[in-house]
Protein backbone atom coordinates (compact mmCIF):
# COMPACT_ATOMS: atom_id res chain seq x y z
CA MET A 1 0.00 0.00 0.00
CA GLY A 2 1.58 3.24 -1.12
CA HIS A 3 1.41 6.52 0.66
CA LEU A 4 2.55 10.09 0.19
CA LEU A 5 4.59 12.08 2.67
CA CYS A 6 2.87 15.36 3.51
CA PHE A 7 2.91 18.01 6.20
CA GLN A 8 0.19 19.05 8.62
CA VAL A 9 0.11 22.82 9.19
CA ILE A 10 -1.74 24.56 11.99
CA LEU A 11 -2.21 28.26 11.30
CA SER A 12 -2.16 30.96 14.00
CA ASN A 13 -5.95 31.31 13.62
CA GLY A 14 -6.37 27.57 14.45
CA GLU A 15 -7.14 26.44 10.89
CA ARG A 16 -5.59 23.09 9.93
CA LEU A 17 -4.12 22.40 6.50
CA TRP A 18 -3.90 18.71 5.54
CA PRO A 19 -2.42 17.16 3.43
CA ALA A 20 -0.04 20.00 2.66
CA SER A 21 2.98 20.31 0.40
CA ILE A 22 5.36 23.16 1.22
CA PHE A 23 7.47 25.13 -1.25
CA PRO A 24 9.74 28.18 -1.06
CA ALA A 25 7.51 31.16 -1.87
CA GLN A 26 9.58 32.03 -4.94
CA GLU A 27 10.07 28.46 -6.27
CA GLU A 28 6.77 26.62 -6.35
CA ASN A 29 8.20 23.73 -8.37
CA ALA A 30 10.64 22.40 -5.72
CA ALA A 31 8.75 20.88 -2.78
CA LEU A 32 10.49 20.89 0.59
CA ILE A 33 10.75 17.33 1.88
CA ASP A 34 12.02 17.61 5.46
CA LEU A 35 11.22 19.78 8.45
CA LEU A 36 14.69 21.26 8.85
CA THR A 37 14.57 22.60 5.28
CA VAL A 38 11.08 23.98 5.92
CA ARG A 39 12.31 25.77 9.05
CA GLN A 40 15.32 27.22 7.24
CA CYS A 41 13.10 28.48 4.43
CA VAL A 42 10.55 30.07 6.80
CA GLU A 43 13.23 31.77 8.89
CA ARG A 44 15.26 32.91 5.85
CA ASP A 45 12.39 34.18 3.67
CA GLY A 46 9.74 34.92 6.29
CA GLU A 47 7.17 33.04 4.19
CA VAL A 48 6.42 29.77 2.40
CA SER A 49 3.97 28.62 -0.23
CA ILE A 50 1.61 25.88 0.95
CA SER A 51 -0.42 23.73 -1.41
CA VAL A 52 -3.29 21.83 0.16
CA ILE A 53 -6.19 19.78 -1.13
CA ALA A 54 -9.50 21.23 0.02
CA TYR A 55 -12.64 19.25 0.85
CA ASP A 56 -16.25 20.36 1.05
CA ALA A 57 -18.55 19.68 4.03
CA GLN A 58 -19.43 16.22 2.62
CA GLY A 59 -15.75 15.27 2.32
CA GLU A 60 -15.69 15.53 -1.47
CA ARG A 61 -12.36 16.64 -2.88
CA LEU A 62 -12.27 20.13 -4.32
CA GLN A 63 -9.46 21.67 -6.34
CA GLY A 64 -6.09 22.10 -4.66
CA HIS A 65 -5.36 25.51 -3.21
CA THR A 66 -1.93 27.14 -3.09
CA ARG A 67 -1.20 30.26 -1.08
CA VAL A 68 1.81 32.06 0.37
CA TYR A 69 1.74 32.23 4.18
CA ALA A 70 3.82 34.70 6.20
CA GLN A 71 5.77 33.35 9.18
CA ASN A 72 3.40 35.07 11.65
CA GLU A 73 0.43 33.20 10.11
CA LEU A 74 1.98 29.81 10.95
CA SER A 75 1.75 28.15 14.34
CA ILE A 76 3.10 24.61 13.86
CA ILE A 77 4.25 22.44 10.99
CA GLN A 78 4.48 18.68 11.48
CA GLY A 79 5.93 16.01 9.31
CA PRO A 80 6.56 14.56 7.00
CA ILE A 81 3.58 12.35 7.83
CA PRO A 82 2.33 9.46 5.69
CA SER A 83 -0.95 10.33 3.98
CA TYR A 84 -2.96 7.27 3.05
CA PRO A 85 -5.11 7.43 -0.07
CA PRO A 86 -8.79 6.61 0.51
CA ASN A 87 -8.82 3.83 -2.10
CA GLY A 88 -7.00 0.51 -1.90
CA ILE A 89 -6.66 0.47 1.89
CA SER A 90 -5.62 -2.52 3.99
CA VAL A 91 -7.56 -4.02 6.89
CA ASN A 92 -5.08 -2.32 9.27
CA GLU A 93 -6.32 1.08 8.10
CA VAL A 94 -9.96 0.57 9.17
CA PHE A 95 -11.24 1.15 12.71
CA GLY A 96 -14.42 0.79 14.71
CA LEU A 97 -15.68 4.20 15.91
CA SER A 98 -14.73 3.63 19.55
CA GLU A 99 -11.25 2.45 18.59
CA ALA A 100 -10.74 5.43 16.26
CA ALA A 101 -11.90 7.85 18.98
CA ARG A 102 -9.47 6.29 21.46
CA LEU A 103 -6.55 6.33 18.99
CA TRP A 104 -7.14 9.96 17.98
CA GLY A 105 -8.00 11.06 21.54
CA ILE A 106 -11.45 12.36 20.64
CA GLU A 107 -13.62 13.55 23.53
CA GLY A 108 -17.01 11.84 23.59
CA GLY A 109 -15.67 8.62 22.04
CA GLY A 110 -17.31 6.94 19.09
CA ALA A 111 -20.48 9.00 19.58
CA THR A 112 -18.58 12.12 18.45
CA ILE A 113 -17.54 10.39 15.23
CA ARG A 114 -21.08 9.05 14.74
CA LYS A 115 -22.44 12.62 15.01
CA ALA A 116 -19.87 13.80 12.45
CA LEU A 117 -21.10 11.01 10.15
CA GLU A 118 -24.71 12.10 10.64
CA ARG A 119 -23.74 15.68 9.75
CA GLY A 120 -22.23 14.40 6.48
CA GLU A 121 -18.61 15.11 7.43
CA PHE A 122 -17.35 11.79 6.01
CA SER A 123 -17.56 10.66 2.41
CA PRO A 124 -19.02 7.24 1.51
CA SER A 125 -15.48 5.95 0.82
CA GLU A 126 -14.36 6.84 4.38
CA ILE A 127 -17.03 5.18 6.51
CA ARG A 128 -19.39 2.21 6.20
CA LYS A 129 -21.49 -0.21 8.21
CA SER A 130 -20.50 -3.88 8.42
CA ASP A 131 -22.93 -6.21 10.22
CA GLY A 132 -24.21 -3.32 12.31
CA ILE A 133 -20.75 -1.98 13.18
CA LEU A 134 -19.68 1.39 11.80
CA LEU A 135 -16.13 1.43 10.44
CA VAL A 136 -14.01 4.45 9.52
CA THR A 137 -10.83 4.62 7.42
CA PHE A 138 -7.46 5.97 8.48
CA SER A 139 -7.59 8.54 5.67
CA GLY A 140 -11.05 9.68 6.80
CA MET A 141 -9.80 10.23 10.34
CA GLN A 142 -6.73 12.06 9.03
CA ARG A 143 -8.86 14.36 6.90
CA ARG A 144 -11.60 15.06 9.45
CA TYR A 145 -9.72 15.12 12.77
CA ASN A 146 -5.92 15.05 12.72
CA ALA A 147 -3.17 13.70 10.51
CA MET A 148 -1.75 11.81 13.49
CA MET A 149 -3.09 9.53 16.15
CA LYS A 150 -2.80 10.87 19.71
CA ASN A 151 0.17 8.62 20.59
CA GLN A 152 2.10 9.85 17.53
CA TRP A 153 1.96 13.52 18.53
CA MET A 154 5.32 13.42 20.34
CA GLU A 155 6.92 11.10 17.76
CA ILE A 156 6.38 13.21 14.63
CA HIS A 157 8.90 15.95 13.98
CA THR A 158 7.24 19.26 14.77
CA TYR A 159 8.34 22.82 13.98
CA PHE A 160 6.89 25.36 16.40
CA VAL A 161 7.13 28.41 14.17
CA GLN A 162 6.56 31.15 16.75
CA GLU A 163 8.97 29.50 19.22
CA GLY A 164 11.52 28.86 16.44
CA ALA A 165 12.14 25.30 17.60
CA ILE A 166 11.89 21.80 16.18
CA LEU A 167 10.90 18.83 18.34
CA GLU A 168 12.67 15.92 16.67
CA GLU A 169 12.48 13.27 19.38
CA PRO A 170 11.22 12.94 22.95
CA GLU A 171 13.42 14.97 25.28
CA SER A 172 15.71 13.35 27.80
CA GLU A 173 15.09 13.81 31.53
CA TYR A 174 18.08 16.16 31.60
CA HIS A 175 16.36 18.64 29.28
CA GLN A 176 12.97 18.33 30.97
CA GLY A 177 14.37 19.71 34.22
CA SER A 178 15.69 22.91 32.64
CA SER A 179 14.32 26.33 33.54
CA MET A 180 13.21 27.02 29.95
CA GLU A 181 9.81 25.75 28.87
CA SER A 182 10.50 22.33 27.38
CA LEU A 183 9.52 21.45 23.83
CA SER A 184 7.43 18.56 25.13
CA THR A 185 5.42 21.06 27.22
CA ILE A 186 4.97 23.26 24.15
CA ALA A 187 3.92 20.19 22.13
CA ARG A 188 1.33 19.19 24.74
CA ARG A 189 -0.05 22.75 24.81
CA HIS A 190 -0.35 22.84 21.01
CA ARG A 191 -1.90 19.32 20.95
CA LYS A 192 -4.60 20.40 23.44
CA ALA A 193 -5.30 23.53 21.36
CA ALA A 194 -5.61 21.45 18.18
CA GLU A 195 -7.98 18.86 19.66
CA VAL A 196 -11.53 18.79 18.36
């Protein structure tokens, strides 16, 4: 099963861009493929071009959108993260609603996902009923809630734009005891802010 590597971008206004490809603002034909290069580009140029696929309220794919974002418009950039296409998925990329809610850390459990389904926030290719059990795909959860499961939040490389720092791996106990606010604390704060 193939996948693409994309970035998840959280803007300063709380909007989430997923799946996003990032380019230098002046060279929109050379995608940036790692977080360190993204950081260098943002800090050097003060802006980046972000291309993202947009979806309507029913989860149907719209045209891709590309826009230049200034550094102060960006809150966090995470990735690269595998983006799974909605077609041709394996059995390991399908979850019961309660399991999906637990894995993504969604308040209200499977009932929250069920309500999103009732509001038409999933496409027919992302959710279905099997012998009375509702199932949701990995790609549907990535699109609707978050590109990462809750337990992956500290494992994915994250660039905190306003703090000017990259969290590349869990910090050692030595760093956690420092007087400066630790990156893991910043990551937890941003994770709580990004939760649905």
